[in-house]
Every structure is written in C-alpha cells, then in structure tokens.
Amino acid sequence: MKTIGLLGGMSWESTVSYYQVINREVGRIMGGLHSAKVVLVSVDFAEVESLQHQGRWADAGDMLGNAARQVEDGGAELLVLCTNTMHKVARHIEKAVEIPLLHIADATADALIEDGIQRVGLLGTSFTMEQPFYRERLESYGLGVQVPDTPARESLHRIIYEELCHGEIKESSRTEVLEMIERLRENGAQAVILGCTEIALLVSAEHTVTPLYDTTTIHARRAVELAVGAARGGAN
C-alpha cells in the first residue's frame, strides 16, 4: 500500500472528511484491521484565506508548495490537496515536489464521464465558480459546465466561509443551496458538482433528486484506488 499525502486545513472541517473516507475505503477494500498509511500536513486556513482575498495567489502557491514538500519529506508517495479552490495553484505545488498530485477536477471529471453526464452544474467558492482554472479543467474533458447567477454565487461564498468552515450548519442555508441546485437542474444540468469540500457538510443525496457529485468523496476514493492498487498487485 502506498502512503497517501494529505495537504489539508482548508478548512480542517473538510480535511476530517478526507481522513474518514480514505480509512473507511481502505478498510472496505482490504478488510480486517487495515487502515490507510497517511502523512498529513495541515496549514493555518486564516493565512491562506487572507492571501486568497488579496489576490496573492503566487504567495499562496509558495506557502502550499512548502507544505507539500513537508508531506513528501514525511514519506508520502502521492499527494492529495484537500480543497477545490486551492487547485488554482496546483501547478505551483507540482513544481515543488517529485510525487504526483492527484487533481480533484480530474477525478471528478472521470466520475461524471463514467456515469454518462455531459452537462453539469458547479457549486463552490466564488473563486472556483468564476475563475477559469477549475471550469476549464472540466471542460477539457468535453463537459458542459454552468454556475449559479451572481447573487447566488456571492451568497454561497459567504455560506462557505462564514458558516461551513466553522462547522456551522443552518437549515436556511441548506434550503438556499438546494434552490440553487434546482435552478441549475432547470437550466439543463444533469448533475451538480459540490465543488467545495465543505458543501457536502450541508447537502447530500438525501436532500434532492438531482445527482450530486461530492468532490471530497470522489477525490479521497480515487486516492485509495491508487494507493491500494500497488498493495493488491494492480496498477500504480
């Protein structure tokens, strides 16, 4: 089994979900008392958030690149960046380490294509919904991507940073996000990507008939496939 490197803390609430999914999936696949081999480096999200909202992405890339080297130095053989938004600096991080980075949008696109989805709604932070780094990665797989209107994007961004990143779950916010999902469906989305690792704390499949693709779970399970494949004699 390969050692999975987690670069987390953005926020720590969703990093907990990564750790749970990875270990449960290893146990399901390998049985017995097996759990994942993991190296975790968790950054201070307040520092990252400040750089995000100042538009200092290069500085954020330097910070995460340094953290990724710590993950690699700890013995990790593949790297999982436990956030959607900070994949904006994925190339910066890749240059800082020798181990491969499993890109969250690639794992998500593979899952969508496997299920025959062609047009999808994208929910996330304003950065993820509005900037091209994530949407264009998905579109490179031939997927059509749509996002909510400006007021909805602003509201969702606030919900993520002011509520979900603090572990605060409000029914009023759940209702609001479900309305966004319904509008995306009405506008032609066959499914909706929960493109922020915290959104799955608020809404899940039980809340809507629209298929939801939780990037945290997809990303974590793909990491396990890569890690356990070596242990089981599969592809690396």
C-alpha atoms as a PDB file:
ATOM      1  CA  MET A   1       0.000   0.000   0.000  1.00  0.00           C
ATOM      2  CA  LYS A   2       1.319   3.422  -0.928  1.00  0.00           C
ATOM      3  CA  THR A   3       1.407   6.215   1.633  1.00  0.00           C
ATOM      4  CA  ILE A   4      -1.130   8.949   0.843  1.00  0.00           C
ATOM      5  CA  GLY A   5      -0.048  12.518   1.499  1.00  0.00           C
ATOM      6  CA  LEU A   6      -2.787  14.896   2.589  1.00  0.00           C
ATOM      7  CA  LEU A   7      -2.265  18.651   2.386  1.00  0.00           C
ATOM      8  CA  GLY A   8      -5.185  19.878   4.468  1.00  0.00           C
ATOM      9  CA  GLY A   9      -6.560  22.515   6.786  1.00  0.00           C
ATOM     10  CA  MET A  10      -8.525  24.391   4.101  1.00  0.00           C
ATOM     11  CA  SER A  11     -10.668  24.049   6.129  1.00  0.00           C
ATOM     12  CA  TRP A  12      -9.905  21.462   8.792  1.00  0.00           C
ATOM     13  CA  GLU A  13     -13.609  20.568   8.814  1.00  0.00           C
ATOM     14  CA  SER A  14     -13.388  19.039   5.343  1.00  0.00           C
ATOM     15  CA  THR A  15      -9.946  17.544   5.989  1.00  0.00           C
ATOM     16  CA  VAL A  16     -11.606  15.397   8.660  1.00  0.00           C
ATOM     17  CA  SER A  17     -13.943  14.077   5.946  1.00  0.00           C
ATOM     18  CA  TYR A  18     -10.979  13.141   3.758  1.00  0.00           C
ATOM     19  CA  TYR A  19      -9.370  11.166   6.576  1.00  0.00           C
ATOM     20  CA  GLN A  20     -12.612   9.333   7.320  1.00  0.00           C
ATOM     21  CA  VAL A  21     -13.400   8.450   3.715  1.00  0.00           C
ATOM     22  CA  ILE A  22      -9.865   7.269   2.983  1.00  0.00           C
ATOM     23  CA  ASN A  23      -9.652   5.000   6.018  1.00  0.00           C
ATOM     24  CA  ARG A  24     -13.146   3.579   5.578  1.00  0.00           C
ATOM     25  CA  GLU A  25     -12.445   2.845   1.929  1.00  0.00           C
ATOM     26  CA  VAL A  26      -9.161   1.100   2.736  1.00  0.00           C
ATOM     27  CA  GLY A  27     -10.971  -0.995   5.338  1.00  0.00           C
ATOM     28  CA  ARG A  28     -13.730  -1.866   2.867  1.00  0.00           C
ATOM     29  CA  ILE A  29     -11.294  -2.937   0.178  1.00  0.00           C
ATOM     30  CA  MET A  30      -8.656  -4.697   2.263  1.00  0.00           C
ATOM     31  CA  GLY A  31     -10.749  -5.893   5.212  1.00  0.00           C
ATOM     32  CA  GLY A  32      -9.629  -6.812   8.693  1.00  0.00           C
ATOM     33  CA  LEU A  33      -7.899  -4.083  10.664  1.00  0.00           C
ATOM     34  CA  HIS A  34      -6.400  -2.373   7.638  1.00  0.00           C
ATOM     35  CA  SER A  35      -6.276   1.404   7.630  1.00  0.00           C
ATOM     36  CA  ALA A  36      -4.570   3.897   5.360  1.00  0.00           C
ATOM     37  CA  LYS A  37      -0.946   4.918   5.514  1.00  0.00           C
ATOM     38  CA  VAL A  38      -1.231   8.698   5.671  1.00  0.00           C
ATOM     39  CA  VAL A  39       1.042  11.695   6.083  1.00  0.00           C
ATOM     40  CA  LEU A  40      -0.920  14.852   6.903  1.00  0.00           C
ATOM     41  CA  VAL A  41       0.301  18.424   6.909  1.00  0.00           C
ATOM     42  CA  SER A  42      -2.414  20.886   7.902  1.00  0.00           C
ATOM     43  CA  VAL A  43      -1.958  24.594   7.239  1.00  0.00           C
ATOM     44  CA  ASP A  44      -3.488  27.577   9.012  1.00  0.00           C
ATOM     45  CA  PHE A  45      -6.502  28.429   6.864  1.00  0.00           C
ATOM     46  CA  ALA A  46      -6.611  32.021   8.121  1.00  0.00           C
ATOM     47  CA  GLU A  47      -3.295  32.650   6.379  1.00  0.00           C
ATOM     48  CA  VAL A  48      -4.492  31.021   3.155  1.00  0.00           C
ATOM     49  CA  GLU A  49      -7.838  32.836   3.204  1.00  0.00           C
ATOM     50  CA  SER A  50      -6.116  36.188   3.619  1.00  0.00           C
ATOM     51  CA  LEU A  51      -3.952  35.570   0.565  1.00  0.00           C
ATOM     52  CA  GLN A  52      -6.978  34.392  -1.437  1.00  0.00           C
ATOM     53  CA  HIS A  53      -8.980  37.533  -0.838  1.00  0.00           C
ATOM     54  CA  GLN A  54      -5.962  39.762  -1.508  1.00  0.00           C
ATOM     55  CA  GLY A  55      -5.456  38.021  -4.823  1.00  0.00           C
ATOM     56  CA  ARG A  56      -1.955  36.966  -3.771  1.00  0.00           C
ATOM     57  CA  TRP A  57      -2.118  33.577  -5.442  1.00  0.00           C
ATOM     58  CA  ALA A  58       1.613  33.280  -6.086  1.00  0.00           C
ATOM     59  CA  ASP A  59       2.302  33.741  -2.373  1.00  0.00           C
ATOM     60  CA  ALA A  60      -0.367  31.144  -1.573  1.00  0.00           C
ATOM     61  CA  GLY A  61       1.300  28.811  -4.062  1.00  0.00           C
ATOM     62  CA  ASP A  62       4.643  29.294  -2.317  1.00  0.00           C
ATOM     63  CA  MET A  63       3.056  28.528   1.049  1.00  0.00           C
ATOM     64  CA  LEU A  64       1.372  25.354  -0.166  1.00  0.00           C
ATOM     65  CA  GLY A  65       4.427  24.305  -2.134  1.00  0.00           C
ATOM     66  CA  ASN A  66       6.463  24.452   1.078  1.00  0.00           C
ATOM     67  CA  ALA A  67       3.790  22.455   2.897  1.00  0.00           C
ATOM     68  CA  ALA A  68       3.710  19.895   0.079  1.00  0.00           C
ATOM     69  CA  ARG A  69       7.453  19.364   0.472  1.00  0.00           C
ATOM     70  CA  GLN A  70       6.844  18.580   4.132  1.00  0.00           C
ATOM     71  CA  VAL A  71       4.292  15.980   3.065  1.00  0.00           C
ATOM     72  CA  GLU A  72       6.781  14.448   0.642  1.00  0.00           C
ATOM     73  CA  ASP A  73       9.580  14.513   3.216  1.00  0.00           C
ATOM     74  CA  GLY A  74       7.282  12.612   5.565  1.00  0.00           C
ATOM     75  CA  GLY A  75       7.233   9.664   3.184  1.00  0.00           C
ATOM     76  CA  ALA A  76       4.125  10.283   1.078  1.00  0.00           C
ATOM     77  CA  GLU A  77       4.085   8.670  -2.359  1.00  0.00           C
ATOM     78  CA  LEU A  78       1.156  10.615  -3.805  1.00  0.00           C
ATOM     79  CA  LEU A  79      -0.292  13.996  -2.910  1.00  0.00           C
ATOM     80  CA  VAL A  80      -3.914  14.944  -2.258  1.00  0.00           C
ATOM     81  CA  LEU A  81      -4.694  18.650  -1.866  1.00  0.00           C
ATOM     82  CA  CYS A  82      -7.778  18.651   0.374  1.00  0.00           C
ATOM     83  CA  THR A  83      -9.542  21.629  -1.184  1.00  0.00           C
ATOM     84  CA  ASN A  84     -11.060  22.602  -4.520  1.00  0.00           C
ATOM     85  CA  THR A  85     -10.239  26.310  -4.579  1.00  0.00           C
ATOM     86  CA  MET A  86      -6.519  25.968  -3.974  1.00  0.00           C
ATOM     87  CA  HIS A  87      -6.156  23.789  -7.041  1.00  0.00           C
ATOM     88  CA  LYS A  88      -5.792  27.203  -8.648  1.00  0.00           C
ATOM     89  CA  VAL A  89      -2.136  26.872  -7.625  1.00  0.00           C
ATOM     90  CA  ALA A  90      -1.855  23.164  -8.477  1.00  0.00           C
ATOM     91  CA  ARG A  91       0.940  23.705 -10.994  1.00  0.00           C
ATOM     92  CA  HIS A  92       2.887  25.697  -8.424  1.00  0.00           C
ATOM     93  CA  ILE A  93       2.580  22.800  -5.976  1.00  0.00           C
ATOM     94  CA  GLU A  94       3.508  20.201  -8.604  1.00  0.00           C
ATOM     95  CA  LYS A  95       6.753  22.055  -9.286  1.00  0.00           C
ATOM     96  CA  ALA A  96       7.648  21.922  -5.585  1.00  0.00           C
ATOM     97  CA  VAL A  97       7.544  18.120  -5.229  1.00  0.00           C
ATOM     98  CA  GLU A  98       8.561  14.939  -7.019  1.00  0.00           C
ATOM     99  CA  ILE A  99       5.484  12.894  -6.078  1.00  0.00           C
ATOM    100  CA  PRO A 100       2.363  13.082  -8.265  1.00  0.00           C
ATOM    101  CA  LEU A 101      -0.533  15.390  -7.355  1.00  0.00           C
ATOM    102  CA  LEU A 102      -3.970  13.837  -7.816  1.00  0.00           C
ATOM    103  CA  HIS A 103      -6.012  16.718  -9.239  1.00  0.00           C
ATOM    104  CA  ILE A 104      -9.528  16.926  -7.796  1.00  0.00           C
ATOM    105  CA  ALA A 105     -11.102  18.108 -11.071  1.00  0.00           C
ATOM    106  CA  ASP A 106      -9.609  15.168 -12.979  1.00  0.00           C
ATOM    107  CA  ALA A 107     -11.013  12.645 -10.514  1.00  0.00           C
ATOM    108  CA  THR A 108     -14.403  14.376 -10.637  1.00  0.00           C
ATOM    109  CA  ALA A 109     -14.481  14.550 -14.434  1.00  0.00           C
ATOM    110  CA  ASP A 110     -13.682  10.835 -14.651  1.00  0.00           C
ATOM    111  CA  ALA A 111     -16.609  10.033 -12.339  1.00  0.00           C
ATOM    112  CA  LEU A 112     -19.008  12.189 -14.366  1.00  0.00           C
ATOM    113  CA  ILE A 113     -17.962  10.709 -17.687  1.00  0.00           C
ATOM    114  CA  GLU A 114     -18.224   7.177 -16.334  1.00  0.00           C
ATOM    115  CA  ASP A 115     -21.845   7.928 -15.418  1.00  0.00           C
ATOM    116  CA  GLY A 116     -22.631   9.416 -18.822  1.00  0.00           C
ATOM    117  CA  ILE A 117     -23.022  13.011 -17.572  1.00  0.00           C
ATOM    118  CA  GLN A 118     -22.451  15.638 -20.255  1.00  0.00           C
ATOM    119  CA  ARG A 119     -23.703  18.868 -18.677  1.00  0.00           C
ATOM    120  CA  VAL A 120     -23.114  19.670 -15.057  1.00  0.00           C
ATOM    121  CA  GLY A 121     -23.694  22.469 -12.550  1.00  0.00           C
ATOM    122  CA  LEU A 122     -20.780  23.663 -10.428  1.00  0.00           C
ATOM    123  CA  LEU A 123     -21.077  24.950  -6.864  1.00  0.00           C
ATOM    124  CA  GLY A 124     -18.103  26.220  -4.884  1.00  0.00           C
ATOM    125  CA  THR A 125     -16.403  29.350  -3.676  1.00  0.00           C
ATOM    126  CA  SER A 126     -16.605  32.417  -5.907  1.00  0.00           C
ATOM    127  CA  PHE A 127     -13.018  31.688  -6.935  1.00  0.00           C
ATOM    128  CA  THR A 128     -13.906  28.178  -8.109  1.00  0.00           C
ATOM    129  CA  MET A 129     -17.132  29.174  -9.852  1.00  0.00           C
ATOM    130  CA  GLU A 130     -15.878  32.351 -11.531  1.00  0.00           C
ATOM    131  CA  GLN A 131     -12.229  31.775 -12.386  1.00  0.00           C
ATOM    132  CA  PRO A 132     -11.235  29.513 -15.281  1.00  0.00           C
ATOM    133  CA  PHE A 133      -8.773  27.164 -13.540  1.00  0.00           C
ATOM    134  CA  TYR A 134     -11.447  24.657 -12.467  1.00  0.00           C
ATOM    135  CA  ARG A 135     -14.150  25.077 -15.086  1.00  0.00           C
ATOM    136  CA  GLU A 136     -11.708  24.833 -17.980  1.00  0.00           C
ATOM    137  CA  ARG A 137     -10.166  21.688 -16.500  1.00  0.00           C
ATOM    138  CA  LEU A 138     -13.615  20.093 -16.530  1.00  0.00           C
ATOM    139  CA  GLU A 139     -14.401  21.422 -19.994  1.00  0.00           C
ATOM    140  CA  SER A 140     -11.190  19.860 -21.329  1.00  0.00           C
ATOM    141  CA  TYR A 141     -12.945  16.518 -20.772  1.00  0.00           C
ATOM    142  CA  GLY A 142     -15.821  17.603 -23.018  1.00  0.00           C
ATOM    143  CA  LEU A 143     -18.153  18.527 -20.157  1.00  0.00           C
ATOM    144  CA  GLY A 144     -20.535  21.480 -20.301  1.00  0.00           C
ATOM    145  CA  VAL A 145     -20.333  23.491 -17.080  1.00  0.00           C
ATOM    146  CA  GLN A 146     -22.761  26.072 -15.686  1.00  0.00           C
ATOM    147  CA  VAL A 147     -22.746  28.069 -12.453  1.00  0.00           C
ATOM    148  CA  PRO A 148     -25.419  29.981 -10.487  1.00  0.00           C
ATOM    149  CA  ASP A 149     -26.094  33.662 -11.118  1.00  0.00           C
ATOM    150  CA  THR A 150     -24.055  36.381  -9.401  1.00  0.00           C
ATOM    151  CA  PRO A 151     -26.242  36.885  -6.282  1.00  0.00           C
ATOM    152  CA  ALA A 152     -26.324  33.117  -5.671  1.00  0.00           C
ATOM    153  CA  ARG A 153     -22.548  32.829  -6.125  1.00  0.00           C
ATOM    154  CA  GLU A 154     -21.972  35.613  -3.617  1.00  0.00           C
ATOM    155  CA  SER A 155     -24.366  34.052  -1.117  1.00  0.00           C
ATOM    156  CA  LEU A 156     -22.784  30.604  -1.432  1.00  0.00           C
ATOM    157  CA  HIS A 157     -19.308  32.070  -0.950  1.00  0.00           C
ATOM    158  CA  ARG A 158     -20.499  33.681   2.277  1.00  0.00           C
ATOM    159  CA  ILE A 159     -22.124  30.459   3.486  1.00  0.00           C
ATOM    160  CA  ILE A 160     -18.887  28.555   2.905  1.00  0.00           C
ATOM    161  CA  TYR A 161     -16.550  30.977   4.658  1.00  0.00           C
ATOM    162  CA  GLU A 162     -18.810  32.281   7.421  1.00  0.00           C
ATOM    163  CA  GLU A 163     -20.685  29.082   8.278  1.00  0.00           C
ATOM    164  CA  LEU A 164     -19.396  25.796   6.885  1.00  0.00           C
ATOM    165  CA  CYS A 165     -15.709  26.470   7.529  1.00  0.00           C
ATOM    166  CA  HIS A 166     -16.716  26.964  11.178  1.00  0.00           C
ATOM    167  CA  GLY A 167     -18.728  23.739  11.234  1.00  0.00           C
ATOM    168  CA  GLU A 168     -21.979  25.713  11.406  1.00  0.00           C
ATOM    169  CA  ILE A 169     -24.928  24.082   9.614  1.00  0.00           C
ATOM    170  CA  LYS A 170     -28.040  26.222   9.096  1.00  0.00           C
ATOM    171  CA  GLU A 171     -31.317  24.926   7.693  1.00  0.00           C
ATOM    172  CA  SER A 172     -31.912  28.275   5.996  1.00  0.00           C
ATOM    173  CA  SER A 173     -28.610  27.914   4.148  1.00  0.00           C
ATOM    174  CA  ARG A 174     -29.409  24.321   3.201  1.00  0.00           C
ATOM    175  CA  THR A 175     -32.703  25.500   1.707  1.00  0.00           C
ATOM    176  CA  GLU A 176     -30.907  28.236  -0.212  1.00  0.00           C
ATOM    177  CA  VAL A 177     -28.306  25.866  -1.658  1.00  0.00           C
ATOM    178  CA  LEU A 178     -30.988  23.340  -2.614  1.00  0.00           C
ATOM    179  CA  GLU A 179     -32.761  26.114  -4.504  1.00  0.00           C
ATOM    180  CA  MET A 180     -29.513  26.808  -6.386  1.00  0.00           C
ATOM    181  CA  ILE A 181     -29.266  23.135  -7.273  1.00  0.00           C
ATOM    182  CA  GLU A 182     -32.858  23.089  -8.531  1.00  0.00           C
ATOM    183  CA  ARG A 183     -32.272  26.164 -10.721  1.00  0.00           C
ATOM    184  CA  LEU A 184     -29.180  24.549 -12.224  1.00  0.00           C
ATOM    185  CA  ARG A 185     -31.232  21.427 -12.986  1.00  0.00           C
ATOM    186  CA  GLU A 186     -33.985  23.505 -14.564  1.00  0.00           C
ATOM    187  CA  ASN A 187     -31.344  25.156 -16.757  1.00  0.00           C
ATOM    188  CA  GLY A 188     -30.190  21.812 -18.117  1.00  0.00           C
ATOM    189  CA  ALA A 189     -27.670  20.422 -15.642  1.00  0.00           C
ATOM    190  CA  GLN A 190     -27.884  16.629 -15.431  1.00  0.00           C
ATOM    191  CA  ALA A 191     -25.992  16.675 -12.137  1.00  0.00           C
ATOM    192  CA  VAL A 192     -24.312  19.136  -9.777  1.00  0.00           C
ATOM    193  CA  ILE A 193     -20.726  19.122  -8.545  1.00  0.00           C
ATOM    194  CA  LEU A 194     -20.273  20.011  -4.879  1.00  0.00           C
ATOM    195  CA  GLY A 195     -17.071  21.791  -5.834  1.00  0.00           C
ATOM    196  CA  CYS A 196     -16.115  22.950  -2.384  1.00  0.00           C
ATOM    197  CA  THR A 197     -15.070  20.334   0.129  1.00  0.00           C
ATOM    198  CA  GLU A 198     -17.339  21.856   2.786  1.00  0.00           C
ATOM    199  CA  ILE A 199     -20.615  21.883   0.820  1.00  0.00           C
ATOM    200  CA  ALA A 200     -21.159  18.169   1.419  1.00  0.00           C
ATOM    201  CA  LEU A 201     -21.440  19.015   5.110  1.00  0.00           C
ATOM    202  CA  LEU A 202     -24.633  20.900   4.223  1.00  0.00           C
ATOM    203  CA  VAL A 203     -26.357  18.992   1.404  1.00  0.00           C
ATOM    204  CA  SER A 204     -26.297  15.378   0.259  1.00  0.00           C
ATOM    205  CA  ALA A 205     -28.214  12.970  -1.968  1.00  0.00           C
ATOM    206  CA  GLU A 206     -30.978  12.599   0.602  1.00  0.00           C
ATOM    207  CA  HIS A 207     -31.929  16.253   0.146  1.00  0.00           C
ATOM    208  CA  THR A 208     -32.504  16.337  -3.629  1.00  0.00           C
ATOM    209  CA  VAL A 209     -33.389  14.206  -6.640  1.00  0.00           C
ATOM    210  CA  THR A 210     -30.614  15.898  -8.637  1.00  0.00           C
ATOM    211  CA  PRO A 211     -27.490  13.707  -8.726  1.00  0.00           C
ATOM    212  CA  LEU A 212     -24.749  15.264  -6.607  1.00  0.00           C
ATOM    213  CA  TYR A 213     -21.045  14.661  -7.092  1.00  0.00           C
ATOM    214  CA  ASP A 214     -19.227  15.216  -3.805  1.00  0.00           C
ATOM    215  CA  THR A 215     -15.663  16.071  -4.765  1.00  0.00           C
ATOM    216  CA  THR A 216     -14.309  15.199  -1.320  1.00  0.00           C
ATOM    217  CA  THR A 217     -15.545  11.624  -1.523  1.00  0.00           C
ATOM    218  CA  ILE A 218     -14.592  11.212  -5.188  1.00  0.00           C
ATOM    219  CA  HIS A 219     -11.091  12.602  -4.599  1.00  0.00           C
ATOM    220  CA  ALA A 220     -10.489  10.534  -1.464  1.00  0.00           C
ATOM    221  CA  ARG A 221     -11.692   7.288  -3.043  1.00  0.00           C
ATOM    222  CA  ARG A 222      -9.528   7.823  -6.101  1.00  0.00           C
ATOM    223  CA  ALA A 223      -6.512   8.306  -3.837  1.00  0.00           C
ATOM    224  CA  VAL A 224      -7.283   4.978  -2.189  1.00  0.00           C
ATOM    225  CA  GLU A 225      -7.556   3.268  -5.581  1.00  0.00           C
ATOM    226  CA  LEU A 226      -4.068   4.497  -6.444  1.00  0.00           C
ATOM    227  CA  ALA A 227      -2.621   3.621  -3.044  1.00  0.00           C
ATOM    228  CA  VAL A 228      -4.161   0.191  -2.643  1.00  0.00           C
ATOM    229  CA  GLY A 229      -3.640  -0.840  -6.261  1.00  0.00           C
ATOM    230  CA  ALA A 230       0.059  -1.269  -5.555  1.00  0.00           C
ATOM    231  CA  ALA A 231      -0.644  -3.404  -2.480  1.00  0.00           C
ATOM    232  CA  ARG A 232      -3.021  -5.651  -4.428  1.00  0.00           C
ATOM    233  CA  GLY A 233      -0.785  -6.063  -7.417  1.00  0.00           C
ATOM    234  CA  GLY A 234      -2.699  -3.567  -9.541  1.00  0.00           C
ATOM    235  CA  ALA A 235      -1.551  -0.554 -11.486  1.00  0.00           C
ATOM    236  CA  ASN A 236       0.415   2.126  -9.680  1.00  0.00           C
END
